[in-house]
PDB file of N, CA and C in Angstrom:
ATOM      1  N   UNK A   1      42.734 -65.932 -24.498  1.00  0.00           N
ATOM      2  CA  UNK A   1      43.907 -65.109 -24.249  1.00  0.00           C
ATOM      3  C   UNK A   1      44.926 -65.373 -25.345  1.00  0.00           C
ATOM      4  N   UNK A   2      45.539 -64.313 -25.862  1.00  0.00           N
ATOM      5  CA  UNK A   2      46.503 -64.444 -26.950  1.00  0.00           C
ATOM      6  C   UNK A   2      47.786 -65.092 -26.450  1.00  0.00           C
ATOM      7  N   UNK A   3      48.349 -65.928 -27.293  1.00  0.00           N
ATOM      8  CA  UNK A   3      49.598 -66.603 -26.968  1.00  0.00           C
ATOM      9  C   UNK A   3      50.767 -65.678 -27.278  1.00  0.00           C
ATOM     10  N   UNK A   4      51.721 -65.611 -26.363  1.00  0.00           N
ATOM     11  CA  UNK A   4      52.871 -64.728 -26.537  1.00  0.00           C
ATOM     12  C   UNK A   4      54.016 -65.498 -27.182  1.00  0.00           C
ATOM     13  N   UNK A   5      54.633 -64.872 -28.143  1.00  0.00           N
ATOM     14  CA  UNK A   5      55.765 -65.501 -28.814  1.00  0.00           C
ATOM     15  C   UNK A   5      57.053 -65.196 -28.065  1.00  0.00           C
ATOM     16  N   UNK A   6      58.100 -65.957 -28.383  1.00  0.00           N
ATOM     17  CA  UNK A   6      59.425 -65.692 -27.806  1.00  0.00           C
ATOM     18  C   UNK A   6      59.884 -64.294 -28.176  1.00  0.00           C
ATOM     19  N   UNK A   7      59.550 -63.856 -29.395  1.00  0.00           N
ATOM     20  CA  UNK A   7      59.966 -62.522 -29.844  1.00  0.00           C
ATOM     21  C   UNK A   7      59.314 -61.442 -28.985  1.00  0.00           C
ATOM     22  N   UNK A   8      58.008 -61.597 -28.671  1.00  0.00           N
ATOM     23  CA  UNK A   8      57.330 -60.619 -27.823  1.00  0.00           C
ATOM     24  C   UNK A   8      58.012 -60.531 -26.464  1.00  0.00           C
ATOM     25  N   UNK A   9      58.356 -61.697 -25.891  1.00  0.00           N
ATOM     26  CA  UNK A   9      59.024 -61.706 -24.596  1.00  0.00           C
ATOM     27  C   UNK A   9      60.390 -61.040 -24.691  1.00  0.00           C
ATOM     28  N   UNK A  10      61.127 -61.315 -25.762  1.00  0.00           N
ATOM     29  CA  UNK A  10      62.456 -60.716 -25.951  1.00  0.00           C
ATOM     30  C   UNK A  10      62.331 -59.205 -26.112  1.00  0.00           C
ATOM     31  N   UNK A  11      61.338 -58.742 -26.893  1.00  0.00           N
ATOM     32  CA  UNK A  11      61.146 -57.306 -27.104  1.00  0.00           C
ATOM     33  C   UNK A  11      60.873 -56.596 -25.789  1.00  0.00           C
ATOM     34  N   UNK A  12      60.066 -57.206 -24.915  1.00  0.00           N
ATOM     35  CA  UNK A  12      59.769 -56.585 -23.636  1.00  0.00           C
ATOM     36  C   UNK A  12      61.014 -56.512 -22.755  1.00  0.00           C
ATOM     37  N   UNK A  13      61.856 -57.549 -22.794  1.00  0.00           N
ATOM     38  CA  UNK A  13      63.098 -57.514 -22.020  1.00  0.00           C
ATOM     39  C   UNK A  13      64.028 -56.433 -22.539  1.00  0.00           C
ATOM     40  N   UNK A  14      64.046 -56.203 -23.845  1.00  0.00           N
ATOM     41  CA  UNK A  14      64.950 -55.218 -24.442  1.00  0.00           C
ATOM     42  C   UNK A  14      64.649 -53.804 -23.988  1.00  0.00           C
ATOM     43  N   UNK A  15      63.417 -53.499 -23.608  1.00  0.00           N
ATOM     44  CA  UNK A  15      63.087 -52.129 -23.222  1.00  0.00           C
ATOM     45  C   UNK A  15      63.157 -51.907 -21.717  1.00  0.00           C
ATOM     46  N   UNK A  16      63.522 -52.945 -20.961  1.00  0.00           N
ATOM     47  CA  UNK A  16      63.665 -52.780 -19.527  1.00  0.00           C
ATOM     48  C   UNK A  16      64.916 -51.961 -19.252  1.00  0.00           C
ATOM     49  N   UNK A  17      64.797 -50.993 -18.388  1.00  0.00           N
ATOM     50  CA  UNK A  17      65.923 -50.116 -18.077  1.00  0.00           C
ATOM     51  C   UNK A  17      66.403 -50.429 -16.671  1.00  0.00           C
ATOM     52  N   UNK A  18      67.672 -50.807 -16.546  1.00  0.00           N
ATOM     53  CA  UNK A  18      68.271 -51.017 -15.235  1.00  0.00           C
ATOM     54  C   UNK A  18      68.792 -49.687 -14.739  1.00  0.00           C
ATOM     55  N   UNK A  19      68.425 -49.337 -13.537  1.00  0.00           N
ATOM     56  CA  UNK A  19      68.895 -48.080 -12.975  1.00  0.00           C
ATOM     57  C   UNK A  19      70.342 -48.255 -12.530  1.00  0.00           C
ATOM     58  N   UNK A  20      71.231 -47.488 -13.093  1.00  0.00           N
ATOM     59  CA  UNK A  20      72.640 -47.524 -12.721  1.00  0.00           C
ATOM     60  C   UNK A  20      72.841 -46.733 -11.439  1.00  0.00           C
ATOM     61  N   UNK A  21      73.852 -47.100 -10.633  1.00  0.00           N
ATOM     62  CA  UNK A  21      74.112 -46.326  -9.421  1.00  0.00           C
ATOM     63  C   UNK A  21      74.367 -44.858  -9.762  1.00  0.00           C
ATOM     64  N   UNK A  22      73.790 -43.968  -8.998  1.00  0.00           N
ATOM     65  CA  UNK A  22      73.987 -42.548  -9.223  1.00  0.00           C
ATOM     66  C   UNK A  22      73.081 -41.955 -10.283  1.00  0.00           C
ATOM     67  N   UNK A  23      72.346 -42.785 -10.970  1.00  0.00           N
ATOM     68  CA  UNK A  23      71.437 -42.297 -12.011  1.00  0.00           C
ATOM     69  C   UNK A  23      70.076 -42.017 -11.384  1.00  0.00           C
ATOM     70  N   UNK A  24      69.457 -40.867 -11.686  1.00  0.00           N
ATOM     71  CA  UNK A  24      68.160 -40.577 -11.064  1.00  0.00           C
ATOM     72  C   UNK A  24      67.107 -41.578 -11.514  1.00  0.00           C
ATOM     73  N   UNK A  25      66.272 -41.994 -10.566  1.00  0.00           N
ATOM     74  CA  UNK A  25      65.187 -42.914 -10.899  1.00  0.00           C
ATOM     75  C   UNK A  25      64.138 -42.190 -11.728  1.00  0.00           C
ATOM     76  N   UNK A  26      63.414 -42.947 -12.534  1.00  0.00           N
ATOM     77  CA  UNK A  26      62.316 -42.378 -13.295  1.00  0.00           C
ATOM     78  C   UNK A  26      62.747 -41.570 -14.492  1.00  0.00           C
ATOM     79  N   UNK A  27      63.904 -41.895 -15.090  1.00  0.00           N
ATOM     80  CA  UNK A  27      64.361 -41.182 -16.272  1.00  0.00           C
ATOM     81  C   UNK A  27      63.353 -41.286 -17.400  1.00  0.00           C
ATOM     82  N   UNK A  28      63.429 -40.342 -18.312  1.00  0.00           N
ATOM     83  CA  UNK A  28      62.522 -40.332 -19.463  1.00  0.00           C
ATOM     84  C   UNK A  28      63.350 -40.372 -20.733  1.00  0.00           C
ATOM     85  N   UNK A  29      62.694 -40.746 -21.823  1.00  0.00           N
ATOM     86  CA  UNK A  29      63.356 -40.923 -23.096  1.00  0.00           C
ATOM     87  C   UNK A  29      62.640 -40.144 -24.182  1.00  0.00           C
ATOM     88  N   UNK A  30      63.413 -39.509 -25.067  1.00  0.00           N
ATOM     89  CA  UNK A  30      62.842 -38.889 -26.259  1.00  0.00           C
ATOM     90  C   UNK A  30      62.866 -39.949 -27.348  1.00  0.00           C
ATOM     91  N   UNK A  31      61.725 -40.172 -27.974  1.00  0.00           N
ATOM     92  CA  UNK A  31      61.615 -41.245 -28.957  1.00  0.00           C
ATOM     93  C   UNK A  31      60.586 -40.885 -30.019  1.00  0.00           C
ATOM     94  N   UNK A  32      60.587 -41.654 -31.103  1.00  0.00           N
ATOM     95  CA  UNK A  32      59.509 -41.543 -32.084  1.00  0.00           C
ATOM     96  C   UNK A  32      58.787 -42.877 -32.145  1.00  0.00           C
ATOM     97  N   UNK A  33      57.490 -42.798 -32.390  1.00  0.00           N
ATOM     98  CA  UNK A  33      56.630 -43.972 -32.457  1.00  0.00           C
ATOM     99  C   UNK A  33      56.181 -44.122 -33.904  1.00  0.00           C
ATOM    100  N   UNK A  34      56.247 -45.362 -34.419  1.00  0.00           N
ATOM    101  CA  UNK A  34      55.874 -45.677 -35.793  1.00  0.00           C
ATOM    102  C   UNK A  34      54.927 -46.869 -35.777  1.00  0.00           C
ATOM    103  N   UNK A  35      54.156 -47.097 -36.862  1.00  0.00           N
ATOM    104  CA  UNK A  35      53.142 -48.151 -36.862  1.00  0.00           C
ATOM    105  C   UNK A  35      53.659 -49.556 -36.558  1.00  0.00           C
ATOM    106  N   UNK A  36      54.880 -49.906 -36.892  1.00  0.00           N
ATOM    107  CA  UNK A  36      55.415 -51.231 -36.600  1.00  0.00           C
ATOM    108  C   UNK A  36      54.913 -52.282 -37.560  1.00  0.00           C
ATOM    109  N   UNK A  37      55.312 -53.538 -37.306  1.00  0.00           N
ATOM    110  CA  UNK A  37      54.965 -54.654 -38.194  1.00  0.00           C
ATOM    111  C   UNK A  37      53.469 -54.909 -38.276  1.00  0.00           C
ATOM    112  N   UNK A  38      52.749 -54.634 -37.186  1.00  0.00           N
ATOM    113  CA  UNK A  38      51.298 -54.880 -37.161  1.00  0.00           C
ATOM    114  C   UNK A  38      50.517 -53.699 -37.714  1.00  0.00           C
ATOM    115  N   UNK A  39      51.235 -52.651 -38.176  1.00  0.00           N
ATOM    116  CA  UNK A  39      50.617 -51.472 -38.781  1.00  0.00           C
ATOM    117  C   UNK A  39      49.538 -50.861 -37.879  1.00  0.00           C
ATOM    118  N   UNK A  40      49.893 -50.672 -36.609  1.00  0.00           N
ATOM    119  CA  UNK A  40      48.972 -50.097 -35.621  1.00  0.00           C
ATOM    120  C   UNK A  40      48.778 -48.610 -35.928  1.00  0.00           C
ATOM    121  N   UNK A  41      47.548 -48.135 -35.864  1.00  0.00           N
ATOM    122  CA  UNK A  41      47.238 -46.734 -36.173  1.00  0.00           C
ATOM    123  C   UNK A  41      47.895 -45.805 -35.160  1.00  0.00           C
ATOM    124  N   UNK A  42      48.616 -44.809 -35.663  1.00  0.00           N
ATOM    125  CA  UNK A  42      49.289 -43.849 -34.786  1.00  0.00           C
ATOM    126  C   UNK A  42      48.308 -43.009 -33.990  1.00  0.00           C
ATOM    127  N   UNK A  43      47.097 -42.852 -34.481  1.00  0.00           N
ATOM    128  CA  UNK A  43      46.086 -42.069 -33.764  1.00  0.00           C
ATOM    129  C   UNK A  43      45.805 -42.669 -32.384  1.00  0.00           C
ATOM    130  N   UNK A  44      46.035 -43.971 -32.229  1.00  0.00           N
ATOM    131  CA  UNK A  44      45.768 -44.629 -30.952  1.00  0.00           C
ATOM    132  C   UNK A  44      46.810 -44.314 -29.885  1.00  0.00           C
ATOM    133  N   UNK A  45      47.931 -43.693 -30.273  1.00  0.00           N
ATOM    134  CA  UNK A  45      48.923 -43.280 -29.279  1.00  0.00           C
ATOM    135  C   UNK A  45      48.287 -42.294 -28.301  1.00  0.00           C
ATOM    136  N   UNK A  46      47.332 -41.507 -28.772  1.00  0.00           N
ATOM    137  CA  UNK A  46      46.675 -40.526 -27.899  1.00  0.00           C
ATOM    138  C   UNK A  46      45.939 -41.206 -26.748  1.00  0.00           C
ATOM    139  N   UNK A  47      45.552 -42.470 -26.913  1.00  0.00           N
ATOM    140  CA  UNK A  47      44.869 -43.199 -25.842  1.00  0.00           C
ATOM    141  C   UNK A  47      45.745 -43.343 -24.602  1.00  0.00           C
ATOM    142  N   UNK A  48      47.072 -43.251 -24.779  1.00  0.00           N
ATOM    143  CA  UNK A  48      47.991 -43.432 -23.655  1.00  0.00           C
ATOM    144  C   UNK A  48      48.265 -42.133 -22.901  1.00  0.00           C
ATOM    145  N   UNK A  49      47.741 -41.016 -23.390  1.00  0.00           N
ATOM    146  CA  UNK A  49      47.895 -39.715 -22.734  1.00  0.00           C
ATOM    147  C   UNK A  49      49.367 -39.379 -22.480  1.00  0.00           C
ATOM    148  N   UNK A  50      50.177 -39.470 -23.543  1.00  0.00           N
ATOM    149  CA  UNK A  50      51.610 -39.186 -23.459  1.00  0.00           C
ATOM    150  C   UNK A  50      51.902 -37.772 -23.932  1.00  0.00           C
ATOM    151  N   UNK A  51      53.040 -37.223 -23.485  1.00  0.00           N
ATOM    152  CA  UNK A  51      53.521 -35.954 -24.031  1.00  0.00           C
ATOM    153  C   UNK A  51      53.975 -36.245 -25.455  1.00  0.00           C
ATOM    154  N   UNK A  52      53.319 -35.631 -26.453  1.00  0.00           N
ATOM    155  CA  UNK A  52      53.617 -35.998 -27.842  1.00  0.00           C
ATOM    156  C   UNK A  52      53.370 -34.837 -28.788  1.00  0.00           C
ATOM    157  N   UNK A  53      54.072 -34.889 -29.932  1.00  0.00           N
ATOM    158  CA  UNK A  53      53.864 -33.955 -31.038  1.00  0.00           C
ATOM    159  C   UNK A  53      54.091 -34.731 -32.328  1.00  0.00           C
ATOM    160  N   UNK A  54      53.566 -34.262 -33.460  1.00  0.00           N
ATOM    161  CA  UNK A  54      53.832 -34.941 -34.735  1.00  0.00           C
ATOM    162  C   UNK A  54      55.324 -34.878 -35.062  1.00  0.00           C
ATOM    163  N   UNK A  55      55.844 -35.941 -35.657  1.00  0.00           N
ATOM    164  CA  UNK A  55      57.242 -35.990 -36.072  1.00  0.00           C
ATOM    165  C   UNK A  55      57.315 -35.689 -37.564  1.00  0.00           C
ATOM    166  N   UNK A  56      58.275 -34.890 -38.014  1.00  0.00           N
ATOM    167  CA  UNK A  56      58.368 -34.541 -39.442  1.00  0.00           C
ATOM    168  C   UNK A  56      58.534 -35.756 -40.368  1.00  0.00           C
ATOM    169  N   UNK A  57      59.046 -36.866 -39.845  1.00  0.00           N
ATOM    170  CA  UNK A  57      59.231 -38.061 -40.671  1.00  0.00           C
ATOM    171  C   UNK A  57      58.021 -38.993 -40.652  1.00  0.00           C
ATOM    172  N   UNK A  58      56.892 -38.520 -40.163  1.00  0.00           N
ATOM    173  CA  UNK A  58      55.656 -39.301 -40.255  1.00  0.00           C
ATOM    174  C   UNK A  58      55.268 -40.071 -39.007  1.00  0.00           C
ATOM    175  N   UNK A  59      56.078 -40.074 -37.974  1.00  0.00           N
ATOM    176  CA  UNK A  59      55.722 -40.760 -36.745  1.00  0.00           C
ATOM    177  C   UNK A  59      55.143 -39.785 -35.736  1.00  0.00           C
ATOM    178  N   UNK A  60      55.222 -40.179 -34.477  1.00  0.00           N
ATOM    179  CA  UNK A  60      54.793 -39.329 -33.376  1.00  0.00           C
ATOM    180  C   UNK A  60      55.987 -39.213 -32.434  1.00  0.00           C
ATOM    181  N   UNK A  61      56.415 -38.002 -32.138  1.00  0.00           N
ATOM    182  CA  UNK A  61      57.541 -37.788 -31.215  1.00  0.00           C
ATOM    183  C   UNK A  61      56.982 -37.730 -29.800  1.00  0.00           C
ATOM    184  N   UNK A  62      57.618 -38.478 -28.874  1.00  0.00           N
ATOM    185  CA  UNK A  62      57.135 -38.568 -27.502  1.00  0.00           C
ATOM    186  C   UNK A  62      58.282 -38.412 -26.508  1.00  0.00           C
ATOM    187  N   UNK A  63      57.945 -38.059 -25.295  1.00  0.00           N
ATOM    188  CA  UNK A  63      58.855 -38.134 -24.155  1.00  0.00           C
ATOM    189  C   UNK A  63      58.170 -39.081 -23.184  1.00  0.00           C
ATOM    190  N   UNK A  64      58.819 -40.228 -22.907  1.00  0.00           N
ATOM    191  CA  UNK A  64      58.169 -41.304 -22.155  1.00  0.00           C
ATOM    192  C   UNK A  64      59.093 -41.889 -21.093  1.00  0.00           C
ATOM    193  N   UNK A  65      58.475 -42.541 -20.115  1.00  0.00           N
ATOM    194  CA  UNK A  65      59.215 -43.314 -19.122  1.00  0.00           C
ATOM    195  C   UNK A  65      59.491 -44.697 -19.705  1.00  0.00           C
ATOM    196  N   UNK A  66      60.306 -45.472 -19.021  1.00  0.00           N
ATOM    197  CA  UNK A  66      60.587 -46.836 -19.467  1.00  0.00           C
ATOM    198  C   UNK A  66      59.303 -47.673 -19.501  1.00  0.00           C
ATOM    199  N   UNK A  67      58.422 -47.451 -18.533  1.00  0.00           N
ATOM    200  CA  UNK A  67      57.166 -48.215 -18.496  1.00  0.00           C
ATOM    201  C   UNK A  67      56.275 -47.857 -19.687  1.00  0.00           C
ATOM    202  N   UNK A  68      56.201 -46.570 -20.018  1.00  0.00           N
ATOM    203  CA  UNK A  68      55.391 -46.146 -21.165  1.00  0.00           C
ATOM    204  C   UNK A  68      55.992 -46.668 -22.468  1.00  0.00           C
ATOM    205  N   UNK A  69      57.315 -46.681 -22.539  1.00  0.00           N
ATOM    206  CA  UNK A  69      57.989 -47.209 -23.724  1.00  0.00           C
ATOM    207  C   UNK A  69      57.643 -48.688 -23.897  1.00  0.00           C
ATOM    208  N   UNK A  70      57.707 -49.442 -22.812  1.00  0.00           N
ATOM    209  CA  UNK A  70      57.358 -50.865 -22.861  1.00  0.00           C
ATOM    210  C   UNK A  70      55.906 -51.067 -23.286  1.00  0.00           C
ATOM    211  N   UNK A  71      55.001 -50.217 -22.808  1.00  0.00           N
ATOM    212  CA  UNK A  71      53.583 -50.324 -23.186  1.00  0.00           C
ATOM    213  C   UNK A  71      53.390 -50.088 -24.675  1.00  0.00           C
ATOM    214  N   UNK A  72      54.099 -49.107 -25.236  1.00  0.00           N
ATOM    215  CA  UNK A  72      54.019 -48.857 -26.680  1.00  0.00           C
ATOM    216  C   UNK A  72      54.461 -50.090 -27.466  1.00  0.00           C
ATOM    217  N   UNK A  73      55.548 -50.716 -27.044  1.00  0.00           N
ATOM    218  CA  UNK A  73      56.042 -51.916 -27.721  1.00  0.00           C
ATOM    219  C   UNK A  73      55.036 -53.050 -27.594  1.00  0.00           C
ATOM    220  N   UNK A  74      54.466 -53.222 -26.384  1.00  0.00           N
ATOM    221  CA  UNK A  74      53.451 -54.278 -26.182  1.00  0.00           C
ATOM    222  C   UNK A  74      52.253 -54.088 -27.105  1.00  0.00           C
ATOM    223  N   UNK A  75      51.903 -52.831 -27.396  1.00  0.00           N
ATOM    224  CA  UNK A  75      50.756 -52.552 -28.274  1.00  0.00           C
ATOM    225  C   UNK A  75      51.091 -52.700 -29.751  1.00  0.00           C
ATOM    226  N   UNK A  76      52.341 -53.009 -30.070  1.00  0.00           N
ATOM    227  CA  UNK A  76      52.698 -53.291 -31.454  1.00  0.00           C
ATOM    228  C   UNK A  76      53.387 -52.165 -32.196  1.00  0.00           C
ATOM    229  N   UNK A  77      53.692 -51.069 -31.514  1.00  0.00           N
ATOM    230  CA  UNK A  77      54.362 -49.959 -32.177  1.00  0.00           C
ATOM    231  C   UNK A  77      55.859 -50.221 -32.284  1.00  0.00           C
ATOM    232  N   UNK A  78      56.474 -49.614 -33.285  1.00  0.00           N
ATOM    233  CA  UNK A  78      57.929 -49.567 -33.367  1.00  0.00           C
ATOM    234  C   UNK A  78      58.335 -48.260 -32.685  1.00  0.00           C
ATOM    235  N   UNK A  79      59.253 -48.341 -31.725  1.00  0.00           N
ATOM    236  CA  UNK A  79      59.677 -47.172 -30.977  1.00  0.00           C
ATOM    237  C   UNK A  79      61.175 -46.986 -31.172  1.00  0.00           C
ATOM    238  N   UNK A  80      61.560 -45.814 -31.638  1.00  0.00           N
ATOM    239  CA  UNK A  80      62.976 -45.484 -31.843  1.00  0.00           C
ATOM    240  C   UNK A  80      63.387 -44.461 -30.787  1.00  0.00           C
ATOM    241  N   UNK A  81      64.290 -44.865 -29.900  1.00  0.00           N
ATOM    242  CA  UNK A  81      64.743 -44.003 -28.814  1.00  0.00           C
ATOM    243  C   UNK A  81      65.961 -43.212 -29.273  1.00  0.00           C
ATOM    244  N   UNK A  82      65.932 -41.891 -29.043  1.00  0.00           N
ATOM    245  CA  UNK A  82      67.017 -41.022 -29.479  1.00  0.00           C
ATOM    246  C   UNK A  82      67.935 -40.609 -28.346  1.00  0.00           C
ATOM    247  N   UNK A  83      67.384 -40.318 -27.188  1.00  0.00           N
ATOM    248  CA  UNK A  83      68.227 -39.848 -26.083  1.00  0.00           C
ATOM    249  C   UNK A  83      67.440 -39.896 -24.783  1.00  0.00           C
ATOM    250  N   UNK A  84      68.174 -39.818 -23.678  1.00  0.00           N
ATOM    251  CA  UNK A  84      67.512 -39.689 -22.385  1.00  0.00           C
ATOM    252  C   UNK A  84      67.213 -38.213 -22.148  1.00  0.00           C
ATOM    253  N   UNK A  85      66.190 -37.970 -21.391  1.00  0.00           N
ATOM    254  CA  UNK A  85      65.798 -36.609 -21.044  1.00  0.00           C
ATOM    255  C   UNK A  85      65.945 -36.486 -19.539  1.00  0.00           C
ATOM    256  N   UNK A  86      66.866 -35.637 -19.084  1.00  0.00           N
ATOM    257  CA  UNK A  86      67.061 -35.528 -17.630  1.00  0.00           C
ATOM    258  C   UNK A  86      65.827 -34.957 -16.941  1.00  0.00           C
ATOM    259  N   UNK A  87      65.607 -35.439 -15.745  1.00  0.00           N
ATOM    260  CA  UNK A  87      64.520 -34.901 -14.935  1.00  0.00           C
ATOM    261  C   UNK A  87      65.144 -33.833 -14.053  1.00  0.00           C
ATOM    262  N   UNK A  88      64.751 -32.604 -14.299  1.00  0.00           N
ATOM    263  CA  UNK A  88      65.291 -31.489 -13.555  1.00  0.00           C
ATOM    264  C   UNK A  88      64.287 -30.349 -13.589  1.00  0.00           C
ATOM    265  N   UNK A  89      64.440 -29.406 -12.697  1.00  0.00           N
ATOM    266  CA  UNK A  89      63.513 -28.267 -12.703  1.00  0.00           C
ATOM    267  C   UNK A  89      63.609 -27.498 -14.022  1.00  0.00           C
ATOM    268  N   UNK A  90      62.499 -26.951 -14.437  1.00  0.00           N
ATOM    269  CA  UNK A  90      62.449 -26.145 -15.652  1.00  0.00           C
ATOM    270  C   UNK A  90      63.243 -24.866 -15.452  1.00  0.00           C
ATOM    271  N   UNK A  91      64.022 -24.497 -16.453  1.00  0.00           N
ATOM    272  CA  UNK A  91      64.797 -23.264 -16.416  1.00  0.00           C
ATOM    273  C   UNK A  91      63.820 -22.095 -16.320  1.00  0.00           C
ATOM    274  N   UNK A  92      63.907 -21.288 -15.257  1.00  0.00           N
ATOM    275  CA  UNK A  92      62.964 -20.179 -15.075  1.00  0.00           C
ATOM    276  C   UNK A  92      62.938 -19.192 -16.249  1.00  0.00           C
ATOM    277  N   UNK A  93      64.039 -19.089 -16.985  1.00  0.00           N
ATOM    278  CA  UNK A  93      64.060 -18.148 -18.112  1.00  0.00           C
ATOM    279  C   UNK A  93      63.142 -18.608 -19.250  1.00  0.00           C
ATOM    280  N   UNK A  94      62.711 -19.864 -19.232  1.00  0.00           N
ATOM    281  CA  UNK A  94      61.818 -20.382 -20.276  1.00  0.00           C
ATOM    282  C   UNK A  94      60.338 -20.145 -19.961  1.00  0.00           C
ATOM    283  N   UNK A  95      60.045 -19.681 -18.776  1.00  0.00           N
ATOM    284  CA  UNK A  95      58.653 -19.499 -18.347  1.00  0.00           C
ATOM    285  C   UNK A  95      58.190 -18.082 -18.686  1.00  0.00           C
ATOM    286  N   UNK A  96      57.109 -17.998 -19.468  1.00  0.00           N
ATOM    287  CA  UNK A  96      56.541 -16.704 -19.834  1.00  0.00           C
ATOM    288  C   UNK A  96      55.470 -16.303 -18.836  1.00  0.00           C
ATOM    289  N   UNK A  97      55.327 -15.010 -18.652  1.00  0.00           N
ATOM    290  CA  UNK A  97      54.215 -14.526 -17.837  1.00  0.00           C
ATOM    291  C   UNK A  97      52.942 -14.613 -18.674  1.00  0.00           C
ATOM    292  N   UNK A  98      51.800 -14.559 -18.026  1.00  0.00           N
ATOM    293  CA  UNK A  98      50.525 -14.572 -18.745  1.00  0.00           C
ATOM    294  C   UNK A  98      50.435 -13.388 -19.701  1.00  0.00           C
ATOM    295  N   UNK A  99      50.931 -12.247 -19.266  1.00  0.00           N
ATOM    296  CA  UNK A  99      50.879 -11.047 -20.113  1.00  0.00           C
ATOM    297  C   UNK A  99      51.733 -11.231 -21.375  1.00  0.00           C
ATOM    298  N   UNK A 100      52.940 -11.790 -21.210  1.00  0.00           N
ATOM    299  CA  UNK A 100      53.808 -12.033 -22.372  1.00  0.00           C
ATOM    300  C   UNK A 100      53.158 -13.020 -23.351  1.00  0.00           C
ATOM    301  N   UNK A 101      52.541 -14.050 -22.811  1.00  0.00           N
ATOM    302  CA  UNK A 101      51.890 -15.041 -23.669  1.00  0.00           C
ATOM    303  C   UNK A 101      50.714 -14.427 -24.416  1.00  0.00           C
ATOM    304  N   UNK A 102      49.925 -13.606 -23.737  1.00  0.00           N
ATOM    305  CA  UNK A 102      48.785 -12.946 -24.388  1.00  0.00           C
ATOM    306  C   UNK A 102      49.280 -11.992 -25.471  1.00  0.00           C
ATOM    307  N   UNK A 103      50.326 -11.231 -25.184  1.00  0.00           N
ATOM    308  CA  UNK A 103      50.884 -10.300 -26.170  1.00  0.00           C
ATOM    309  C   UNK A 103      51.384 -11.059 -27.416  1.00  0.00           C
ATOM    310  N   UNK A 104      52.066 -12.189 -27.198  1.00  0.00           N
ATOM    311  CA  UNK A 104      52.554 -13.008 -28.315  1.00  0.00           C
ATOM    312  C   UNK A 104      51.385 -13.506 -29.164  1.00  0.00           C
ATOM    313  N   UNK A 105      50.348 -14.005 -28.515  1.00  0.00           N
ATOM    314  CA  UNK A 105      49.182 -14.512 -29.242  1.00  0.00           C
ATOM    315  C   UNK A 105      48.478 -13.386 -29.994  1.00  0.00           C
ATOM    316  N   UNK A 106      48.303 -12.238 -29.359  1.00  0.00           N
ATOM    317  CA  UNK A 106      47.656 -11.094 -30.018  1.00  0.00           C
ATOM    318  C   UNK A 106      48.425 -10.679 -31.274  1.00  0.00           C
ATOM    319  N   UNK A 107      49.763 -10.722 -31.218  1.00  0.00           N
ATOM    320  CA  UNK A 107      50.572 -10.387 -32.399  1.00  0.00           C
ATOM    321  C   UNK A 107      50.341 -11.388 -33.536  1.00  0.00           C
ATOM    322  N   UNK A 108      50.155 -12.638 -33.187  1.00  0.00           N
ATOM    323  CA  UNK A 108      49.985 -13.688 -34.199  1.00  0.00           C
ATOM    324  C   UNK A 108      48.615 -13.629 -34.884  1.00  0.00           C
ATOM    325  N   UNK A 109      47.597 -13.211 -34.153  1.00  0.00           N
ATOM    326  CA  UNK A 109      46.238 -13.206 -34.719  1.00  0.00           C
ATOM    327  C   UNK A 109      45.802 -11.842 -35.189  1.00  0.00           C
ATOM    328  N   UNK A 110      46.669 -10.849 -35.024  1.00  0.00           N
ATOM    329  CA  UNK A 110      46.327  -9.485 -35.486  1.00  0.00           C
ATOM    330  C   UNK A 110      46.062  -9.517 -36.989  1.00  0.00           C
ATOM    331  N   UNK A 111      44.982  -8.876 -37.388  1.00  0.00           N
ATOM    332  CA  UNK A 111      44.647  -8.808 -38.807  1.00  0.00           C
ATOM    333  C   UNK A 111      43.792  -9.954 -39.312  1.00  0.00           C
ATOM    334  N   UNK A 112      43.555 -10.955 -38.491  1.00  0.00           N
ATOM    335  CA  UNK A 112      42.688 -12.055 -38.894  1.00  0.00           C
ATOM    336  C   UNK A 112      41.251 -11.625 -38.651  1.00  0.00           C
ATOM    337  N   UNK A 113      40.427 -11.590 -39.702  1.00  0.00           N
ATOM    338  CA  UNK A 113      39.031 -11.183 -39.493  1.00  0.00           C
ATOM    339  C   UNK A 113      38.306 -12.183 -38.582  1.00  0.00           C
ATOM    340  N   UNK A 114      37.531 -11.655 -37.661  1.00  0.00           N
ATOM    341  CA  UNK A 114      36.771 -12.521 -36.774  1.00  0.00           C
ATOM    342  C   UNK A 114      35.409 -11.909 -36.512  1.00  0.00           C
ATOM    343  N   UNK A 115      34.488 -12.762 -36.207  1.00  0.00           N
ATOM    344  CA  UNK A 115      33.127 -12.336 -35.932  1.00  0.00           C
ATOM    345  C   UNK A 115      33.056 -11.770 -34.523  1.00  0.00           C
ATOM    346  N   UNK A 116      32.543 -10.599 -34.374  1.00  0.00           N
ATOM    347  CA  UNK A 116      32.431  -9.967 -33.063  1.00  0.00           C
ATOM    348  C   UNK A 116      31.253 -10.586 -32.312  1.00  0.00           C
ATOM    349  N   UNK A 117      31.440 -10.733 -30.998  1.00  0.00           N
ATOM    350  CA  UNK A 117      30.364 -11.268 -30.163  1.00  0.00           C
ATOM    351  C   UNK A 117      29.312 -10.181 -29.992  1.00  0.00           C
ATOM    352  N   UNK A 118      28.051 -10.577 -30.009  1.00  0.00           N
ATOM    353  CA  UNK A 118      27.004  -9.565 -29.946  1.00  0.00           C
ATOM    354  C   UNK A 118      26.029  -9.729 -28.911  1.00  0.00           C
TER     355      UNK A 118
END
């Protein structure tokens, strides 16, 4: 079993989130993940099944819970937290119908040659 350093213990304490009175439990954080001192491969972030997209500055942008953030740090990643993300219902105006989504996709692929099914 690997020996834990004082720094590892301190890093884990730093990412613990105390729930303040009146604050909703289970808050999430917008952050970017970077290889860190141990140069951990960013491709392995996918193993955690997190909501993620590539970050323009070379990292991986994620929306994570405090527990997921702590797990990333334990695995050796450098995690930069930018803001909290409130947990609330999705704004209904942001939801597209299936027909609208199909129409949008058809507009994007129009004119692209494709092999017809036979």
